[in-house]
Every structure is written in C-alpha cells, then in structure tokens.
Amino acid sequence: MLAGHGPTLFAGLSKYVDLKLVRRLEFGSGAVAMRYEPRR
C-alpha cells in the first residue's frame, strides 16, 4: 500500500500485489526512496 497524495501508482491493477520492502534511502531534504519486490 502506498500513502500520500497525487496520482496513485498502482491504480490500474486488477488485483492486490503483496510487496516487501527491500531498501529504504532517506535524503537530507526529508524525501524517502523505497524499493519493493513482490513477495513469493
């Protein structure tokens, strides 16, 4: 699940995708980049 505002990244998907967080990177500006992979 993604939180925030603006366009929804996964709006066109027809089914739930179970993701796991594999990497998180915080920037000095406060922005955060997160990388996910599908769970198997």
PDB file of N, CA and C in Angstrom:
ATOM      1  N   MET A   1       0.856  -1.179   0.000  1.00  0.00           N
ATOM      2  CA  MET A   1       0.000   0.000   0.000  1.00  0.00           C
ATOM      3  C   MET A   1       0.898   1.237   0.000  1.00  0.00           C
ATOM      4  N   LEU A   2       0.523   2.218  -0.776  1.00  0.00           N
ATOM      5  CA  LEU A   2       1.256   3.476  -0.829  1.00  0.00           C
ATOM      6  C   LEU A   2       0.419   4.558  -0.174  1.00  0.00           C
ATOM      7  N   ALA A   3       1.094   5.452   0.503  1.00  0.00           N
ATOM      8  CA  ALA A   3       0.400   6.557   1.169  1.00  0.00           C
ATOM      9  C   ALA A   3       0.893   7.876   0.599  1.00  0.00           C
ATOM     10  N   GLY A   4       0.070   8.893   0.693  1.00  0.00           N
ATOM     11  CA  GLY A   4       0.448  10.206   0.200  1.00  0.00           C
ATOM     12  C   GLY A   4      -0.682  10.819  -0.592  1.00  0.00           C
ATOM     13  N   HIS A   5      -0.318  11.682  -1.527  1.00  0.00           N
ATOM     14  CA  HIS A   5      -1.324  12.334  -2.353  1.00  0.00           C
ATOM     15  C   HIS A   5      -0.817  12.410  -3.774  1.00  0.00           C
ATOM     16  N   GLY A   6      -1.700  12.732  -4.690  1.00  0.00           N
ATOM     17  CA  GLY A   6      -1.338  12.786  -6.097  1.00  0.00           C
ATOM     18  C   GLY A   6      -1.790  11.533  -6.810  1.00  0.00           C
ATOM     19  N   PRO A   7      -1.304  11.316  -8.031  1.00  0.00           N
ATOM     20  CA  PRO A   7      -1.708  10.135  -8.801  1.00  0.00           C
ATOM     21  C   PRO A   7      -1.327   8.845  -8.060  1.00  0.00           C
ATOM     22  N   THR A   8      -2.202   7.848  -8.126  1.00  0.00           N
ATOM     23  CA  THR A   8      -1.937   6.569  -7.486  1.00  0.00           C
ATOM     24  C   THR A   8      -1.086   5.707  -8.415  1.00  0.00           C
ATOM     25  N   LEU A   9       0.036   5.241  -7.931  1.00  0.00           N
ATOM     26  CA  LEU A   9       0.985   4.486  -8.736  1.00  0.00           C
ATOM     27  C   LEU A   9       0.392   3.198  -9.286  1.00  0.00           C
ATOM     28  N   PHE A  10      -0.411   2.490  -8.482  1.00  0.00           N
ATOM     29  CA  PHE A  10      -0.930   1.190  -8.891  1.00  0.00           C
ATOM     30  C   PHE A  10      -2.422   1.218  -9.204  1.00  0.00           C
ATOM     31  N   ALA A  11      -2.943   2.329  -9.641  1.00  0.00           N
ATOM     32  CA  ALA A  11      -4.382   2.486  -9.869  1.00  0.00           C
ATOM     33  C   ALA A  11      -4.936   1.513 -10.905  1.00  0.00           C
ATOM     34  N   GLY A  12      -4.157   1.115 -11.896  1.00  0.00           N
ATOM     35  CA  GLY A  12      -4.659   0.261 -12.962  1.00  0.00           C
ATOM     36  C   GLY A  12      -4.615  -1.226 -12.683  1.00  0.00           C
ATOM     37  N   LEU A  13      -4.108  -1.633 -11.531  1.00  0.00           N
ATOM     38  CA  LEU A  13      -4.008  -3.061 -11.234  1.00  0.00           C
ATOM     39  C   LEU A  13      -5.374  -3.651 -10.917  1.00  0.00           C
ATOM     40  N   SER A  14      -5.595  -4.864 -11.385  1.00  0.00           N
ATOM     41  CA  SER A  14      -6.889  -5.516 -11.154  1.00  0.00           C
ATOM     42  C   SER A  14      -6.890  -6.383  -9.899  1.00  0.00           C
ATOM     43  N   LYS A  15      -5.720  -6.643  -9.316  1.00  0.00           N
ATOM     44  CA  LYS A  15      -5.665  -7.454  -8.100  1.00  0.00           C
ATOM     45  C   LYS A  15      -4.583  -6.929  -7.153  1.00  0.00           C
ATOM     46  N   TYR A  16      -4.678  -7.315  -5.902  1.00  0.00           N
ATOM     47  CA  TYR A  16      -3.746  -6.917  -4.856  1.00  0.00           C
ATOM     48  C   TYR A  16      -2.369  -7.516  -5.132  1.00  0.00           C
ATOM     49  N   VAL A  17      -1.312  -6.725  -4.927  1.00  0.00           N
ATOM     50  CA  VAL A  17       0.058  -7.214  -5.077  1.00  0.00           C
ATOM     51  C   VAL A  17       0.732  -7.097  -3.721  1.00  0.00           C
ATOM     52  N   ASP A  18       1.181  -8.231  -3.175  1.00  0.00           N
ATOM     53  CA  ASP A  18       1.848  -8.259  -1.872  1.00  0.00           C
ATOM     54  C   ASP A  18       3.320  -7.924  -2.082  1.00  0.00           C
ATOM     55  N   LEU A  19       3.760  -6.798  -1.535  1.00  0.00           N
ATOM     56  CA  LEU A  19       5.135  -6.340  -1.720  1.00  0.00           C
ATOM     57  C   LEU A  19       5.903  -6.390  -0.416  1.00  0.00           C
ATOM     58  N   LYS A  20       7.229  -6.561  -0.528  1.00  0.00           N
ATOM     59  CA  LYS A  20       8.086  -6.458   0.653  1.00  0.00           C
ATOM     60  C   LYS A  20       9.140  -5.386   0.397  1.00  0.00           C
ATOM     61  N   LEU A  21       9.415  -4.603   1.416  1.00  0.00           N
ATOM     62  CA  LEU A  21      10.402  -3.533   1.325  1.00  0.00           C
ATOM     63  C   LEU A  21      11.797  -4.143   1.325  1.00  0.00           C
ATOM     64  N   VAL A  22      12.615  -3.809   0.325  1.00  0.00           N
ATOM     65  CA  VAL A  22      13.972  -4.353   0.255  1.00  0.00           C
ATOM     66  C   VAL A  22      15.044  -3.286   0.454  1.00  0.00           C
ATOM     67  N   ARG A  23      14.664  -2.012   0.293  1.00  0.00           N
ATOM     68  CA  ARG A  23      15.644  -0.944   0.503  1.00  0.00           C
ATOM     69  C   ARG A  23      14.934   0.362   0.800  1.00  0.00           C
ATOM     70  N   ARG A  24      15.515   1.137   1.706  1.00  0.00           N
ATOM     71  CA  ARG A  24      14.959   2.441   2.077  1.00  0.00           C
ATOM     72  C   ARG A  24      16.106   3.428   2.151  1.00  0.00           C
ATOM     73  N   LEU A  25      15.955   4.580   1.512  1.00  0.00           N
ATOM     74  CA  LEU A  25      17.011   5.585   1.474  1.00  0.00           C
ATOM     75  C   LEU A  25      16.413   6.938   1.821  1.00  0.00           C
ATOM     76  N   GLU A  26      16.941   7.557   2.878  1.00  0.00           N
ATOM     77  CA  GLU A  26      16.472   8.886   3.290  1.00  0.00           C
ATOM     78  C   GLU A  26      17.424   9.948   2.768  1.00  0.00           C
ATOM     79  N   PHE A  27      16.854  11.028   2.248  1.00  0.00           N
ATOM     80  CA  PHE A  27      17.639  12.151   1.752  1.00  0.00           C
ATOM     81  C   PHE A  27      17.601  13.282   2.760  1.00  0.00           C
ATOM     82  N   GLY A  28      18.583  14.165   2.714  1.00  0.00           N
ATOM     83  CA  GLY A  28      18.663  15.296   3.625  1.00  0.00           C
ATOM     84  C   GLY A  28      17.450  16.206   3.558  1.00  0.00           C
ATOM     85  N   SER A  29      16.775  16.216   2.427  1.00  0.00           N
ATOM     86  CA  SER A  29      15.596  17.063   2.243  1.00  0.00           C
ATOM     87  C   SER A  29      14.373  16.518   2.989  1.00  0.00           C
ATOM     88  N   GLY A  30      14.475  15.265   3.443  1.00  0.00           N
ATOM     89  CA  GLY A  30      13.339  14.626   4.102  1.00  0.00           C
ATOM     90  C   GLY A  30      12.607  13.656   3.197  1.00  0.00           C
ATOM     91  N   ALA A  31      12.925  13.681   1.901  1.00  0.00           N
ATOM     92  CA  ALA A  31      12.314  12.725   0.970  1.00  0.00           C
ATOM     93  C   ALA A  31      12.847  11.326   1.258  1.00  0.00           C
ATOM     94  N   VAL A  32      12.040  10.332   0.981  1.00  0.00           N
ATOM     95  CA  VAL A  32      12.431   8.941   1.207  1.00  0.00           C
ATOM     96  C   VAL A  32      12.172   8.137  -0.065  1.00  0.00           C
ATOM     97  N   ALA A  33      13.176   7.386  -0.503  1.00  0.00           N
ATOM     98  CA  ALA A  33      13.025   6.477  -1.647  1.00  0.00           C
ATOM     99  C   ALA A  33      12.955   5.061  -1.098  1.00  0.00           C
ATOM    100  N   MET A  34      11.952   4.309  -1.538  1.00  0.00           N
ATOM    101  CA  MET A  34      11.794   2.943  -1.066  1.00  0.00           C
ATOM    102  C   MET A  34      11.696   1.999  -2.253  1.00  0.00           C
ATOM    103  N   ARG A  35      12.371   0.863  -2.146  1.00  0.00           N
ATOM    104  CA  ARG A  35      12.339  -0.147  -3.207  1.00  0.00           C
ATOM    105  C   ARG A  35      11.626  -1.382  -2.677  1.00  0.00           C
ATOM    106  N   TYR A  36      10.683  -1.873  -3.477  1.00  0.00           N
ATOM    107  CA  TYR A  36       9.893  -3.045  -3.104  1.00  0.00           C
ATOM    108  C   TYR A  36      10.051  -4.144  -4.140  1.00  0.00           C
ATOM    109  N   GLU A  37       9.854  -5.381  -3.702  1.00  0.00           N
ATOM    110  CA  GLU A  37       9.792  -6.533  -4.588  1.00  0.00           C
ATOM    111  C   GLU A  37       8.546  -7.320  -4.244  1.00  0.00           C
ATOM    112  N   PRO A  38       7.984  -8.017  -5.224  1.00  0.00           N
ATOM    113  CA  PRO A  38       6.823  -8.863  -4.913  1.00  0.00           C
ATOM    114  C   PRO A  38       7.236  -9.987  -3.972  1.00  0.00           C
ATOM    115  N   ARG A  39       6.363 -10.302  -3.028  1.00  0.00           N
ATOM    116  CA  ARG A  39       6.592 -11.467  -2.169  1.00  0.00           C
ATOM    117  C   ARG A  39       6.277 -12.703  -2.985  1.00  0.00           C
ATOM    118  N   ARG A  40       6.963 -13.778  -2.698  1.00  0.00           N
ATOM    119  CA  ARG A  40       6.743 -15.024  -3.453  1.00  0.00           C
ATOM    120  C   ARG A  40       6.000 -16.019  -2.633  1.00  0.00           C
TER     121      ARG A  40
END
